[in-house]
Amino acid sequence: MTAKQFSTIPHANLVDFVNNDALAVVQNTADTAEILKLVSKAAQQLSARVDCVLEQWISQHSENKQNEPYLTTTAGKTYTLKDILTEIRQQTDFGRKMERNIMMLAVDLLTREKKQVSDD
């Protein structure tokens, strides 16, 4: 995106973009090594997001398994694996809660006395 394009974005949208979507902002005079370092960092950030990891795990299941009911809330609403992923990506109340619960579970598993992890 060029500086001219930035100037056409409404202020509120620009703040939201920088706070939530931008991976990096560089001057057009940045050298290739700096840009490659930022691209590598952005790729790492994207691959480590809960929704990306969840999508990778979901893709290992058959299409039928992805679309069958997987989770039912106490209120009786049913979600498929794909529904859960969509809710997380859309940052709905349910999606934010699921994302937090997944992260809490991951931390819980990591803090147990596990002495060996796979290299994957």
PDB file of N, CA and C in Angstrom:
ATOM      1  N   MET A   1       0.852  -1.157   0.000  1.00  0.00           N
ATOM      2  CA  MET A   1       0.000   0.000   0.000  1.00  0.00           C
ATOM      3  C   MET A   1       0.905   1.230   0.000  1.00  0.00           C
ATOM      4  N   THR A   2       0.573   2.210  -0.774  1.00  0.00           N
ATOM      5  CA  THR A   2       1.395   3.408  -0.843  1.00  0.00           C
ATOM      6  C   THR A   2       0.926   4.434   0.183  1.00  0.00           C
ATOM      7  N   ALA A   3       1.767   5.434   0.422  1.00  0.00           N
ATOM      8  CA  ALA A   3       1.406   6.513   1.355  1.00  0.00           C
ATOM      9  C   ALA A   3       0.154   7.229   0.872  1.00  0.00           C
ATOM     10  N   LYS A   4       0.011   7.383  -0.427  1.00  0.00           N
ATOM     11  CA  LYS A   4      -1.173   8.055  -0.963  1.00  0.00           C
ATOM     12  C   LYS A   4      -2.433   7.252  -0.608  1.00  0.00           C
ATOM     13  N   GLN A   5      -2.359   5.935  -0.707  1.00  0.00           N
ATOM     14  CA  GLN A   5      -3.504   5.099  -0.363  1.00  0.00           C
ATOM     15  C   GLN A   5      -3.832   5.214   1.122  1.00  0.00           C
ATOM     16  N   PHE A   6      -2.808   5.315   1.980  1.00  0.00           N
ATOM     17  CA  PHE A   6      -3.042   5.485   3.413  1.00  0.00           C
ATOM     18  C   PHE A   6      -3.807   6.766   3.695  1.00  0.00           C
ATOM     19  N   SER A   7      -3.498   7.818   2.949  1.00  0.00           N
ATOM     20  CA  SER A   7      -4.131   9.110   3.205  1.00  0.00           C
ATOM     21  C   SER A   7      -5.611   9.111   2.838  1.00  0.00           C
ATOM     22  N   THR A   8      -6.059   8.140   2.054  1.00  0.00           N
ATOM     23  CA  THR A   8      -7.470   8.096   1.674  1.00  0.00           C
ATOM     24  C   THR A   8      -8.316   7.260   2.628  1.00  0.00           C
ATOM     25  N   ILE A   9      -7.678   6.585   3.572  1.00  0.00           N
ATOM     26  CA  ILE A   9      -8.398   5.741   4.531  1.00  0.00           C
ATOM     27  C   ILE A   9      -8.928   6.618   5.660  1.00  0.00           C
ATOM     28  N   PRO A  10     -10.213   6.521   5.979  1.00  0.00           N
ATOM     29  CA  PRO A  10     -10.745   7.286   7.120  1.00  0.00           C
ATOM     30  C   PRO A  10      -9.960   6.964   8.386  1.00  0.00           C
ATOM     31  N   HIS A  11      -9.780   7.965   9.243  1.00  0.00           N
ATOM     32  CA  HIS A  11      -8.946   7.840  10.442  1.00  0.00           C
ATOM     33  C   HIS A  11      -9.311   6.612  11.290  1.00  0.00           C
ATOM     34  N   ALA A  12     -10.593   6.418  11.576  1.00  0.00           N
ATOM     35  CA  ALA A  12     -11.015   5.287  12.419  1.00  0.00           C
ATOM     36  C   ALA A  12     -10.631   3.961  11.772  1.00  0.00           C
ATOM     37  N   ASN A  13     -10.796   3.858  10.464  1.00  0.00           N
ATOM     38  CA  ASN A  13     -10.430   2.624   9.757  1.00  0.00           C
ATOM     39  C   ASN A  13      -8.919   2.420   9.762  1.00  0.00           C
ATOM     40  N   LEU A  14      -8.171   3.510   9.646  1.00  0.00           N
ATOM     41  CA  LEU A  14      -6.708   3.414   9.659  1.00  0.00           C
ATOM     42  C   LEU A  14      -6.216   2.930  11.023  1.00  0.00           C
ATOM     43  N   VAL A  15      -6.789   3.472  12.093  1.00  0.00           N
ATOM     44  CA  VAL A  15      -6.421   3.036  13.442  1.00  0.00           C
ATOM     45  C   VAL A  15      -6.719   1.548  13.599  1.00  0.00           C
ATOM     46  N   ASP A  16      -7.897   1.116  13.155  1.00  0.00           N
ATOM     47  CA  ASP A  16      -8.261  -0.295  13.230  1.00  0.00           C
ATOM     48  C   ASP A  16      -7.293  -1.149  12.416  1.00  0.00           C
ATOM     49  N   PHE A  17      -6.932  -0.694  11.224  1.00  0.00           N
ATOM     50  CA  PHE A  17      -6.003  -1.420  10.352  1.00  0.00           C
ATOM     51  C   PHE A  17      -4.650  -1.589  11.039  1.00  0.00           C
ATOM     52  N   VAL A  18      -4.117  -0.509  11.567  1.00  0.00           N
ATOM     53  CA  VAL A  18      -2.801  -0.562  12.203  1.00  0.00           C
ATOM     54  C   VAL A  18      -2.840  -1.427  13.459  1.00  0.00           C
ATOM     55  N   ASN A  19      -3.898  -1.314  14.244  1.00  0.00           N
ATOM     56  CA  ASN A  19      -3.976  -2.065  15.496  1.00  0.00           C
ATOM     57  C   ASN A  19      -4.309  -3.533  15.314  1.00  0.00           C
ATOM     58  N   ASN A  20      -4.972  -3.881  14.215  1.00  0.00           N
ATOM     59  CA  ASN A  20      -5.453  -5.257  14.080  1.00  0.00           C
ATOM     60  C   ASN A  20      -4.972  -6.007  12.845  1.00  0.00           C
ATOM     61  N   ASP A  21      -4.731  -5.320  11.759  1.00  0.00           N
ATOM     62  CA  ASP A  21      -4.466  -6.018  10.509  1.00  0.00           C
ATOM     63  C   ASP A  21      -3.059  -5.833   9.956  1.00  0.00           C
ATOM     64  N   ALA A  22      -2.451  -4.711  10.217  1.00  0.00           N
ATOM     65  CA  ALA A  22      -1.137  -4.441   9.624  1.00  0.00           C
ATOM     66  C   ALA A  22      -0.084  -5.346  10.241  1.00  0.00           C
ATOM     67  N   LEU A  23       0.720  -5.937   9.409  1.00  0.00           N
ATOM     68  CA  LEU A  23       1.812  -6.763   9.897  1.00  0.00           C
ATOM     69  C   LEU A  23       3.085  -5.947  10.018  1.00  0.00           C
ATOM     70  N   ALA A  24       3.205  -4.923   9.171  1.00  0.00           N
ATOM     71  CA  ALA A  24       4.366  -4.041   9.216  1.00  0.00           C
ATOM     72  C   ALA A  24       4.122  -2.857   8.292  1.00  0.00           C
ATOM     73  N   VAL A  25       4.752  -1.758   8.635  1.00  0.00           N
ATOM     74  CA  VAL A  25       4.736  -0.570   7.779  1.00  0.00           C
ATOM     75  C   VAL A  25       6.191  -0.185   7.593  1.00  0.00           C
ATOM     76  N   VAL A  26       6.618  -0.069   6.343  1.00  0.00           N
ATOM     77  CA  VAL A  26       8.008   0.280   6.049  1.00  0.00           C
ATOM     78  C   VAL A  26       8.047   1.436   5.062  1.00  0.00           C
ATOM     79  N   GLN A  27       9.170   2.124   5.064  1.00  0.00           N
ATOM     80  CA  GLN A  27       9.379   3.174   4.079  1.00  0.00           C
ATOM     81  C   GLN A  27       9.729   2.518   2.746  1.00  0.00           C
ATOM     82  N   ASN A  28       9.420   3.217   1.662  1.00  0.00           N
ATOM     83  CA  ASN A  28       9.722   2.621   0.359  1.00  0.00           C
ATOM     84  C   ASN A  28      11.221   2.557   0.104  1.00  0.00           C
ATOM     85  N   THR A  29      12.026   3.128   0.982  1.00  0.00           N
ATOM     86  CA  THR A  29      13.478   3.067   0.832  1.00  0.00           C
ATOM     87  C   THR A  29      14.088   1.898   1.616  1.00  0.00           C
ATOM     88  N   ALA A  30      13.240   1.074   2.246  1.00  0.00           N
ATOM     89  CA  ALA A  30      13.739  -0.054   3.022  1.00  0.00           C
ATOM     90  C   ALA A  30      14.504  -1.009   2.117  1.00  0.00           C
ATOM     91  N   ASP A  31      15.582  -1.566   2.653  1.00  0.00           N
ATOM     92  CA  ASP A  31      16.364  -2.493   1.833  1.00  0.00           C
ATOM     93  C   ASP A  31      15.719  -3.877   1.834  1.00  0.00           C
ATOM     94  N   THR A  32      16.116  -4.675   0.893  1.00  0.00           N
ATOM     95  CA  THR A  32      15.532  -5.997   0.684  1.00  0.00           C
ATOM     96  C   THR A  32      15.671  -6.882   1.920  1.00  0.00           C
ATOM     97  N   ALA A  33      16.813  -6.835   2.579  1.00  0.00           N
ATOM     98  CA  ALA A  33      17.026  -7.670   3.765  1.00  0.00           C
ATOM     99  C   ALA A  33      16.013  -7.317   4.859  1.00  0.00           C
ATOM    100  N   GLU A  34      15.747  -6.028   5.049  1.00  0.00           N
ATOM    101  CA  GLU A  34      14.772  -5.599   6.058  1.00  0.00           C
ATOM    102  C   GLU A  34      13.376  -6.088   5.689  1.00  0.00           C
ATOM    103  N   ILE A  35      13.019  -5.962   4.419  1.00  0.00           N
ATOM    104  CA  ILE A  35      11.696  -6.392   3.968  1.00  0.00           C
ATOM    105  C   ILE A  35      11.547  -7.907   4.116  1.00  0.00           C
ATOM    106  N   LEU A  36      12.562  -8.672   3.742  1.00  0.00           N
ATOM    107  CA  LEU A  36      12.502 -10.130   3.880  1.00  0.00           C
ATOM    108  C   LEU A  36      12.367 -10.550   5.340  1.00  0.00           C
ATOM    109  N   LYS A  37      13.033  -9.828   6.234  1.00  0.00           N
ATOM    110  CA  LYS A  37      12.912 -10.120   7.669  1.00  0.00           C
ATOM    111  C   LYS A  37      11.472  -9.881   8.130  1.00  0.00           C
ATOM    112  N   LEU A  38      10.855  -8.794   7.665  1.00  0.00           N
ATOM    113  CA  LEU A  38       9.474  -8.491   8.037  1.00  0.00           C
ATOM    114  C   LEU A  38       8.496  -9.518   7.445  1.00  0.00           C
ATOM    115  N   VAL A  39       8.752  -9.950   6.219  1.00  0.00           N
ATOM    116  CA  VAL A  39       7.893 -10.960   5.590  1.00  0.00           C
ATOM    117  C   VAL A  39       7.983 -12.270   6.362  1.00  0.00           C
ATOM    118  N   SER A  40       9.176 -12.647   6.767  1.00  0.00           N
ATOM    119  CA  SER A  40       9.358 -13.866   7.550  1.00  0.00           C
ATOM    120  C   SER A  40       8.617 -13.762   8.888  1.00  0.00           C
ATOM    121  N   LYS A  41       8.731 -12.614   9.537  1.00  0.00           N
ATOM    122  CA  LYS A  41       8.030 -12.394  10.808  1.00  0.00           C
ATOM    123  C   LYS A  41       6.518 -12.452  10.608  1.00  0.00           C
ATOM    124  N   ALA A  42       6.020 -11.857   9.533  1.00  0.00           N
ATOM    125  CA  ALA A  42       4.583 -11.874   9.250  1.00  0.00           C
ATOM    126  C   ALA A  42       4.105 -13.297   9.008  1.00  0.00           C
ATOM    127  N   ALA A  43       4.870 -14.074   8.263  1.00  0.00           N
ATOM    128  CA  ALA A  43       4.499 -15.471   7.997  1.00  0.00           C
ATOM    129  C   ALA A  43       4.426 -16.256   9.300  1.00  0.00           C
ATOM    130  N   GLN A  44       5.371 -16.031  10.207  1.00  0.00           N
ATOM    131  CA  GLN A  44       5.360 -16.709  11.510  1.00  0.00           C
ATOM    132  C   GLN A  44       4.135 -16.306  12.310  1.00  0.00           C
ATOM    133  N   GLN A  45       3.812 -15.016  12.320  1.00  0.00           N
ATOM    134  CA  GLN A  45       2.651 -14.543  13.067  1.00  0.00           C
ATOM    135  C   GLN A  45       1.365 -15.172  12.534  1.00  0.00           C
ATOM    136  N   LEU A  46       1.253 -15.255  11.216  1.00  0.00           N
ATOM    137  CA  LEU A  46       0.052 -15.833  10.623  1.00  0.00           C
ATOM    138  C   LEU A  46      -0.055 -17.330  10.904  1.00  0.00           C
ATOM    139  N   SER A  47       1.065 -18.027  10.828  1.00  0.00           N
ATOM    140  CA  SER A  47       1.015 -19.477  11.035  1.00  0.00           C
ATOM    141  C   SER A  47       0.773 -19.840  12.491  1.00  0.00           C
ATOM    142  N   ALA A  48       1.031 -18.928  13.407  1.00  0.00           N
ATOM    143  CA  ALA A  48       0.866 -19.207  14.830  1.00  0.00           C
ATOM    144  C   ALA A  48      -0.500 -18.788  15.357  1.00  0.00           C
ATOM    145  N   ARG A  49      -1.316 -18.175  14.543  1.00  0.00           N
ATOM    146  CA  ARG A  49      -2.637 -17.758  15.002  1.00  0.00           C
ATOM    147  C   ARG A  49      -3.504 -18.981  15.271  1.00  0.00           C
ATOM    148  N   VAL A  50      -4.345 -18.883  16.274  1.00  0.00           N
ATOM    149  CA  VAL A  50      -5.207 -19.996  16.657  1.00  0.00           C
ATOM    150  C   VAL A  50      -6.044 -20.457  15.473  1.00  0.00           C
ATOM    151  N   ASP A  51      -6.623 -19.517  14.723  1.00  0.00           N
ATOM    152  CA  ASP A  51      -7.494 -19.920  13.622  1.00  0.00           C
ATOM    153  C   ASP A  51      -6.727 -20.662  12.534  1.00  0.00           C
ATOM    154  N   CYS A  52      -5.482 -20.287  12.301  1.00  0.00           N
ATOM    155  CA  CYS A  52      -4.687 -20.971  11.276  1.00  0.00           C
ATOM    156  C   CYS A  52      -4.322 -22.387  11.709  1.00  0.00           C
ATOM    157  N   VAL A  53      -3.942 -22.528  12.968  1.00  0.00           N
ATOM    158  CA  VAL A  53      -3.614 -23.857  13.493  1.00  0.00           C
ATOM    159  C   VAL A  53      -4.862 -24.731  13.514  1.00  0.00           C
ATOM    160  N   LEU A  54      -5.980 -24.147  13.936  1.00  0.00           N
ATOM    161  CA  LEU A  54      -7.244 -24.879  13.960  1.00  0.00           C
ATOM    162  C   LEU A  54      -7.655 -25.303  12.551  1.00  0.00           C
ATOM    163  N   GLU A  55      -7.499 -24.412  11.589  1.00  0.00           N
ATOM    164  CA  GLU A  55      -7.845 -24.750  10.205  1.00  0.00           C
ATOM    165  C   GLU A  55      -6.998 -25.919   9.702  1.00  0.00           C
ATOM    166  N   GLN A  56      -5.719 -25.906  10.045  1.00  0.00           N
ATOM    167  CA  GLN A  56      -4.839 -27.000   9.634  1.00  0.00           C
ATOM    168  C   GLN A  56      -5.316 -28.319  10.249  1.00  0.00           C
ATOM    169  N   TRP A  57      -5.684 -28.293  11.523  1.00  0.00           N
ATOM    170  CA  TRP A  57      -6.174 -29.493  12.199  1.00  0.00           C
ATOM    171  C   TRP A  57      -7.494 -29.955  11.576  1.00  0.00           C
ATOM    172  N   ILE A  58      -8.400 -29.023  11.300  1.00  0.00           N
ATOM    173  CA  ILE A  58      -9.694 -29.365  10.701  1.00  0.00           C
ATOM    174  C   ILE A  58      -9.501 -29.996   9.321  1.00  0.00           C
ATOM    175  N   SER A  59      -8.559 -29.484   8.555  1.00  0.00           N
ATOM    176  CA  SER A  59      -8.345 -29.990   7.191  1.00  0.00           C
ATOM    177  C   SER A  59      -7.882 -31.449   7.178  1.00  0.00           C
ATOM    178  N   GLN A  60      -7.411 -31.947   8.296  1.00  0.00           N
ATOM    179  CA  GLN A  60      -6.977 -33.340   8.385  1.00  0.00           C
ATOM    180  C   GLN A  60      -8.158 -34.293   8.545  1.00  0.00           C
ATOM    181  N   HIS A  61      -9.352 -33.744   8.732  1.00  0.00           N
ATOM    182  CA  HIS A  61     -10.566 -34.544   8.886  1.00  0.00           C
ATOM    183  C   HIS A  61     -11.305 -34.605   7.548  1.00  0.00           C
ATOM    184  N   SER A  62     -12.111 -35.629   7.380  1.00  0.00           N
ATOM    185  CA  SER A  62     -12.915 -35.758   6.159  1.00  0.00           C
ATOM    186  C   SER A  62     -13.924 -34.623   6.086  1.00  0.00           C
ATOM    187  N   GLU A  63     -14.411 -34.349   4.892  1.00  0.00           N
ATOM    188  CA  GLU A  63     -15.420 -33.300   4.688  1.00  0.00           C
ATOM    189  C   GLU A  63     -16.657 -33.583   5.540  1.00  0.00           C
ATOM    190  N   ASN A  64     -17.054 -34.851   5.616  1.00  0.00           N
ATOM    191  CA  ASN A  64     -18.213 -35.219   6.445  1.00  0.00           C
ATOM    192  C   ASN A  64     -17.964 -34.887   7.917  1.00  0.00           C
ATOM    193  N   LYS A  65     -16.780 -35.233   8.414  1.00  0.00           N
ATOM    194  CA  LYS A  65     -16.442 -34.971   9.814  1.00  0.00           C
ATOM    195  C   LYS A  65     -16.408 -33.466  10.088  1.00  0.00           C
ATOM    196  N   GLN A  66     -15.936 -32.685   9.121  1.00  0.00           N
ATOM    197  CA  GLN A  66     -15.860 -31.233   9.281  1.00  0.00           C
ATOM    198  C   GLN A  66     -17.242 -30.597   9.394  1.00  0.00           C
ATOM    199  N   ASN A  67     -18.233 -31.232   8.803  1.00  0.00           N
ATOM    200  CA  ASN A  67     -19.573 -30.651   8.745  1.00  0.00           C
ATOM    201  C   ASN A  67     -20.585 -31.277   9.699  1.00  0.00           C
ATOM    202  N   GLU A  68     -20.160 -32.283  10.473  1.00  0.00           N
ATOM    203  CA  GLU A  68     -21.107 -32.872  11.419  1.00  0.00           C
ATOM    204  C   GLU A  68     -21.023 -32.121  12.745  1.00  0.00           C
ATOM    205  N   PRO A  69     -22.090 -32.154  13.544  1.00  0.00           N
ATOM    206  CA  PRO A  69     -22.073 -31.463  14.841  1.00  0.00           C
ATOM    207  C   PRO A  69     -20.883 -31.921  15.674  1.00  0.00           C
ATOM    208  N   TYR A  70     -20.165 -30.965  16.243  1.00  0.00           N
ATOM    209  CA  TYR A  70     -18.965 -31.268  17.007  1.00  0.00           C
ATOM    210  C   TYR A  70     -19.085 -30.823  18.464  1.00  0.00           C
ATOM    211  N   LEU A  71     -19.787 -29.712  18.676  1.00  0.00           N
ATOM    212  CA  LEU A  71     -19.863 -29.119  19.996  1.00  0.00           C
ATOM    213  C   LEU A  71     -21.264 -28.553  20.204  1.00  0.00           C
ATOM    214  N   THR A  72     -21.802 -28.767  21.379  1.00  0.00           N
ATOM    215  CA  THR A  72     -23.106 -28.199  21.722  1.00  0.00           C
ATOM    216  C   THR A  72     -22.951 -27.370  22.981  1.00  0.00           C
ATOM    217  N   THR A  73     -23.440 -26.135  22.948  1.00  0.00           N
ATOM    218  CA  THR A  73     -23.346 -25.252  24.105  1.00  0.00           C
ATOM    219  C   THR A  73     -24.398 -25.621  25.136  1.00  0.00           C
ATOM    220  N   THR A  74     -24.281 -25.072  26.321  1.00  0.00           N
ATOM    221  CA  THR A  74     -25.269 -25.320  27.361  1.00  0.00           C
ATOM    222  C   THR A  74     -26.637 -24.763  26.961  1.00  0.00           C
ATOM    223  N   ALA A  75     -26.645 -23.786  26.046  1.00  0.00           N
ATOM    224  CA  ALA A  75     -27.905 -23.223  25.560  1.00  0.00           C
ATOM    225  C   ALA A  75     -28.510 -24.080  24.452  1.00  0.00           C
ATOM    226  N   GLY A  76     -27.791 -25.132  24.022  1.00  0.00           N
ATOM    227  CA  GLY A  76     -28.311 -26.041  23.016  1.00  0.00           C
ATOM    228  C   GLY A  76     -27.907 -25.740  21.584  1.00  0.00           C
ATOM    229  N   LYS A  77     -27.088 -24.705  21.354  1.00  0.00           N
ATOM    230  CA  LYS A  77     -26.628 -24.386  20.000  1.00  0.00           C
ATOM    231  C   LYS A  77     -25.525 -25.353  19.614  1.00  0.00           C
ATOM    232  N   THR A  78     -25.617 -25.898  18.410  1.00  0.00           N
ATOM    233  CA  THR A  78     -24.645 -26.870  17.922  1.00  0.00           C
ATOM    234  C   THR A  78     -23.730 -26.228  16.892  1.00  0.00           C
ATOM    235  N   TYR A  79     -22.449 -26.584  16.949  1.00  0.00           N
ATOM    236  CA  TYR A  79     -21.444 -26.058  16.030  1.00  0.00           C
ATOM    237  C   TYR A  79     -20.679 -27.211  15.391  1.00  0.00           C
ATOM    238  N   THR A  80     -20.399 -27.074  14.099  1.00  0.00           N
ATOM    239  CA  THR A  80     -19.503 -27.994  13.414  1.00  0.00           C
ATOM    240  C   THR A  80     -18.082 -27.450  13.570  1.00  0.00           C
ATOM    241  N   LEU A  81     -17.095 -28.235  13.156  1.00  0.00           N
ATOM    242  CA  LEU A  81     -15.717 -27.740  13.193  1.00  0.00           C
ATOM    243  C   LEU A  81     -15.577 -26.475  12.342  1.00  0.00           C
ATOM    244  N   LYS A  82     -16.207 -26.490  11.174  1.00  0.00           N
ATOM    245  CA  LYS A  82     -16.134 -25.310  10.296  1.00  0.00           C
ATOM    246  C   LYS A  82     -16.827 -24.107  10.923  1.00  0.00           C
ATOM    247  N   ASP A  83     -17.935 -24.348  11.623  1.00  0.00           N
ATOM    248  CA  ASP A  83     -18.637 -23.255  12.310  1.00  0.00           C
ATOM    249  C   ASP A  83     -17.739 -22.610  13.361  1.00  0.00           C
ATOM    250  N   ILE A  84     -17.042 -23.442  14.119  1.00  0.00           N
ATOM    251  CA  ILE A  84     -16.159 -22.930  15.172  1.00  0.00           C
ATOM    252  C   ILE A  84     -15.072 -22.059  14.561  1.00  0.00           C
ATOM    253  N   LEU A  85     -14.475 -22.519  13.476  1.00  0.00           N
ATOM    254  CA  LEU A  85     -13.440 -21.747  12.791  1.00  0.00           C
ATOM    255  C   LEU A  85     -14.000 -20.409  12.313  1.00  0.00           C
ATOM    256  N   THR A  86     -15.181 -20.438  11.717  1.00  0.00           N
ATOM    257  CA  THR A  86     -15.810 -19.205  11.236  1.00  0.00           C
ATOM    258  C   THR A  86     -16.080 -18.251  12.389  1.00  0.00           C
ATOM    259  N   GLU A  87     -16.588 -18.761  13.490  1.00  0.00           N
ATOM    260  CA  GLU A  87     -16.881 -17.921  14.658  1.00  0.00           C
ATOM    261  C   GLU A  87     -15.610 -17.253  15.190  1.00  0.00           C
ATOM    262  N   ILE A  88     -14.512 -18.003  15.222  1.00  0.00           N
ATOM    263  CA  ILE A  88     -13.239 -17.439  15.683  1.00  0.00           C
ATOM    264  C   ILE A  88     -12.769 -16.360  14.715  1.00  0.00           C
ATOM    265  N   ARG A  89     -12.835 -16.626  13.436  1.00  0.00           N
ATOM    266  CA  ARG A  89     -12.371 -15.646  12.445  1.00  0.00           C
ATOM    267  C   ARG A  89     -13.234 -14.392  12.422  1.00  0.00           C
ATOM    268  N   GLN A  90     -14.521 -14.533  12.683  1.00  0.00           N
ATOM    269  CA  GLN A  90     -15.409 -13.372  12.698  1.00  0.00           C
ATOM    270  C   GLN A  90     -15.396 -12.666  14.054  1.00  0.00           C
ATOM    271  N   GLN A  91     -14.685 -13.237  15.016  1.00  0.00           N
ATOM    272  CA  GLN A  91     -14.547 -12.673  16.353  1.00  0.00           C
ATOM    273  C   GLN A  91     -15.894 -12.382  17.006  1.00  0.00           C
ATOM    274  N   THR A  92     -16.826 -13.328  16.856  1.00  0.00           N
ATOM    275  CA  THR A  92     -18.101 -13.241  17.554  1.00  0.00           C
ATOM    276  C   THR A  92     -17.833 -13.487  19.039  1.00  0.00           C
ATOM    277  N   ASP A  93     -18.824 -13.250  19.885  1.00  0.00           N
ATOM    278  CA  ASP A  93     -18.639 -13.533  21.315  1.00  0.00           C
ATOM    279  C   ASP A  93     -18.238 -14.987  21.518  1.00  0.00           C
ATOM    280  N   PHE A  94     -18.965 -15.898  20.861  1.00  0.00           N
ATOM    281  CA  PHE A  94     -18.646 -17.318  20.970  1.00  0.00           C
ATOM    282  C   PHE A  94     -17.236 -17.590  20.438  1.00  0.00           C
ATOM    283  N   GLY A  95     -16.894 -16.998  19.302  1.00  0.00           N
ATOM    284  CA  GLY A  95     -15.575 -17.211  18.701  1.00  0.00           C
ATOM    285  C   GLY A  95     -14.446 -16.736  19.592  1.00  0.00           C
ATOM    286  N   ARG A  96     -14.608 -15.569  20.224  1.00  0.00           N
ATOM    287  CA  ARG A  96     -13.580 -15.065  21.140  1.00  0.00           C
ATOM    288  C   ARG A  96     -13.441 -15.980  22.357  1.00  0.00           C
ATOM    289  N   LYS A  97     -14.574 -16.474  22.872  1.00  0.00           N
ATOM    290  CA  LYS A  97     -14.525 -17.391  24.017  1.00  0.00           C
ATOM    291  C   LYS A  97     -13.831 -18.697  23.630  1.00  0.00           C
ATOM    292  N   MET A  98     -14.146 -19.224  22.454  1.00  0.00           N
ATOM    293  CA  MET A  98     -13.511 -20.466  21.998  1.00  0.00           C
ATOM    294  C   MET A  98     -12.006 -20.268  21.821  1.00  0.00           C
ATOM    295  N   GLU A  99     -11.637 -19.157  21.214  1.00  0.00           N
ATOM    296  CA  GLU A  99     -10.215 -18.866  20.990  1.00  0.00           C
ATOM    297  C   GLU A  99      -9.481 -18.794  22.331  1.00  0.00           C
ATOM    298  N   ARG A 100     -10.075 -18.126  23.293  1.00  0.00           N
ATOM    299  CA  ARG A 100      -9.469 -18.011  24.625  1.00  0.00           C
ATOM    300  C   ARG A 100      -9.384 -19.393  25.281  1.00  0.00           C
ATOM    301  N   ASN A 101     -10.442 -20.180  25.187  1.00  0.00           N
ATOM    302  CA  ASN A 101     -10.433 -21.519  25.787  1.00  0.00           C
ATOM    303  C   ASN A 101      -9.375 -22.412  25.146  1.00  0.00           C
ATOM    304  N   ILE A 102      -9.207 -22.309  23.835  1.00  0.00           N
ATOM    305  CA  ILE A 102      -8.180 -23.097  23.145  1.00  0.00           C
ATOM    306  C   ILE A 102      -6.799 -22.680  23.637  1.00  0.00           C
ATOM    307  N   MET A 103      -6.579 -21.372  23.772  1.00  0.00           N
ATOM    308  CA  MET A 103      -5.281 -20.886  24.248  1.00  0.00           C
ATOM    309  C   MET A 103      -5.040 -21.317  25.703  1.00  0.00           C
ATOM    310  N   MET A 104      -6.074 -21.242  26.532  1.00  0.00           N
ATOM    311  CA  MET A 104      -5.929 -21.664  27.934  1.00  0.00           C
ATOM    312  C   MET A 104      -5.607 -23.161  28.021  1.00  0.00           C
ATOM    313  N   LEU A 105      -6.250 -23.958  27.176  1.00  0.00           N
ATOM    314  CA  LEU A 105      -5.972 -25.390  27.149  1.00  0.00           C
ATOM    315  C   LEU A 105      -4.526 -25.644  26.715  1.00  0.00           C
ATOM    316  N   ALA A 106      -4.082 -24.914  25.686  1.00  0.00           N
ATOM    317  CA  ALA A 106      -2.705 -25.082  25.211  1.00  0.00           C
ATOM    318  C   ALA A 106      -1.707 -24.742  26.318  1.00  0.00           C
ATOM    319  N   VAL A 107      -1.939 -23.658  27.024  1.00  0.00           N
ATOM    320  CA  VAL A 107      -1.049 -23.271  28.120  1.00  0.00           C
ATOM    321  C   VAL A 107      -1.091 -24.323  29.224  1.00  0.00           C
ATOM    322  N   ASP A 108      -2.272 -24.818  29.541  1.00  0.00           N
ATOM    323  CA  ASP A 108      -2.397 -25.855  30.560  1.00  0.00           C
ATOM    324  C   ASP A 108      -1.595 -27.092  30.160  1.00  0.00           C
ATOM    325  N   LEU A 109      -1.723 -27.504  28.921  1.00  0.00           N
ATOM    326  CA  LEU A 109      -0.981 -28.689  28.461  1.00  0.00           C
ATOM    327  C   LEU A 109       0.526 -28.445  28.485  1.00  0.00           C
ATOM    328  N   LEU A 110       0.939 -27.234  28.130  1.00  0.00           N
ATOM    329  CA  LEU A 110       2.370 -26.915  28.121  1.00  0.00           C
ATOM    330  C   LEU A 110       2.960 -26.829  29.518  1.00  0.00           C
ATOM    331  N   THR A 111       2.160 -26.456  30.491  1.00  0.00           N
ATOM    332  CA  THR A 111       2.689 -26.283  31.840  1.00  0.00           C
ATOM    333  C   THR A 111       2.650 -27.555  32.667  1.00  0.00           C
ATOM    334  N   ARG A 112       2.061 -28.594  32.128  1.00  0.00           N
ATOM    335  CA  ARG A 112       2.126 -29.883  32.829  1.00  0.00           C
ATOM    336  C   ARG A 112       3.549 -30.402  32.732  1.00  0.00           C
ATOM    337  N   GLU A 113       3.866 -31.395  33.469  1.00  0.00           N
ATOM    338  CA  GLU A 113       5.250 -31.863  33.520  1.00  0.00           C
ATOM    339  C   GLU A 113       5.612 -32.755  32.345  1.00  0.00           C
ATOM    340  N   LYS A 114       5.292 -32.323  31.166  1.00  0.00           N
ATOM    341  CA  LYS A 114       5.651 -33.082  29.974  1.00  0.00           C
ATOM    342  C   LYS A 114       7.134 -32.836  29.672  1.00  0.00           C
ATOM    343  N   LYS A 115       7.871 -33.883  29.546  1.00  0.00           N
ATOM    344  CA  LYS A 115       9.335 -33.765  29.390  1.00  0.00           C
ATOM    345  C   LYS A 115       9.783 -33.836  27.935  1.00  0.00           C
ATOM    346  N   GLN A 116       8.894 -34.219  27.016  1.00  0.00           N
ATOM    347  CA  GLN A 116       9.285 -34.363  25.623  1.00  0.00           C
ATOM    348  C   GLN A 116       8.157 -33.917  24.729  1.00  0.00           C
ATOM    349  N   VAL A 117       8.486 -33.185  23.677  1.00  0.00           N
ATOM    350  CA  VAL A 117       7.501 -32.771  22.684  1.00  0.00           C
ATOM    351  C   VAL A 117       8.001 -33.181  21.311  1.00  0.00           C
ATOM    352  N   SER A 118       7.073 -33.284  20.370  1.00  0.00           N
ATOM    353  CA  SER A 118       7.493 -33.659  19.012  1.00  0.00           C
ATOM    354  C   SER A 118       8.160 -32.470  18.339  1.00  0.00           C
ATOM    355  N   ASP A 119       8.922 -32.728  17.298  1.00  0.00           N
ATOM    356  CA  ASP A 119       9.607 -31.674  16.558  1.00  0.00           C
ATOM    357  C   ASP A 119       8.718 -30.975  15.552  1.00  0.00           C
ATOM    358  N   ASP A 120       7.472 -31.449  15.371  1.00  0.00           N
ATOM    359  CA  ASP A 120       6.563 -30.859  14.381  1.00  0.00           C
ATOM    360  C   ASP A 120       6.064 -29.503  14.813  1.00  0.00           C
TER     361      ASP A 120
END
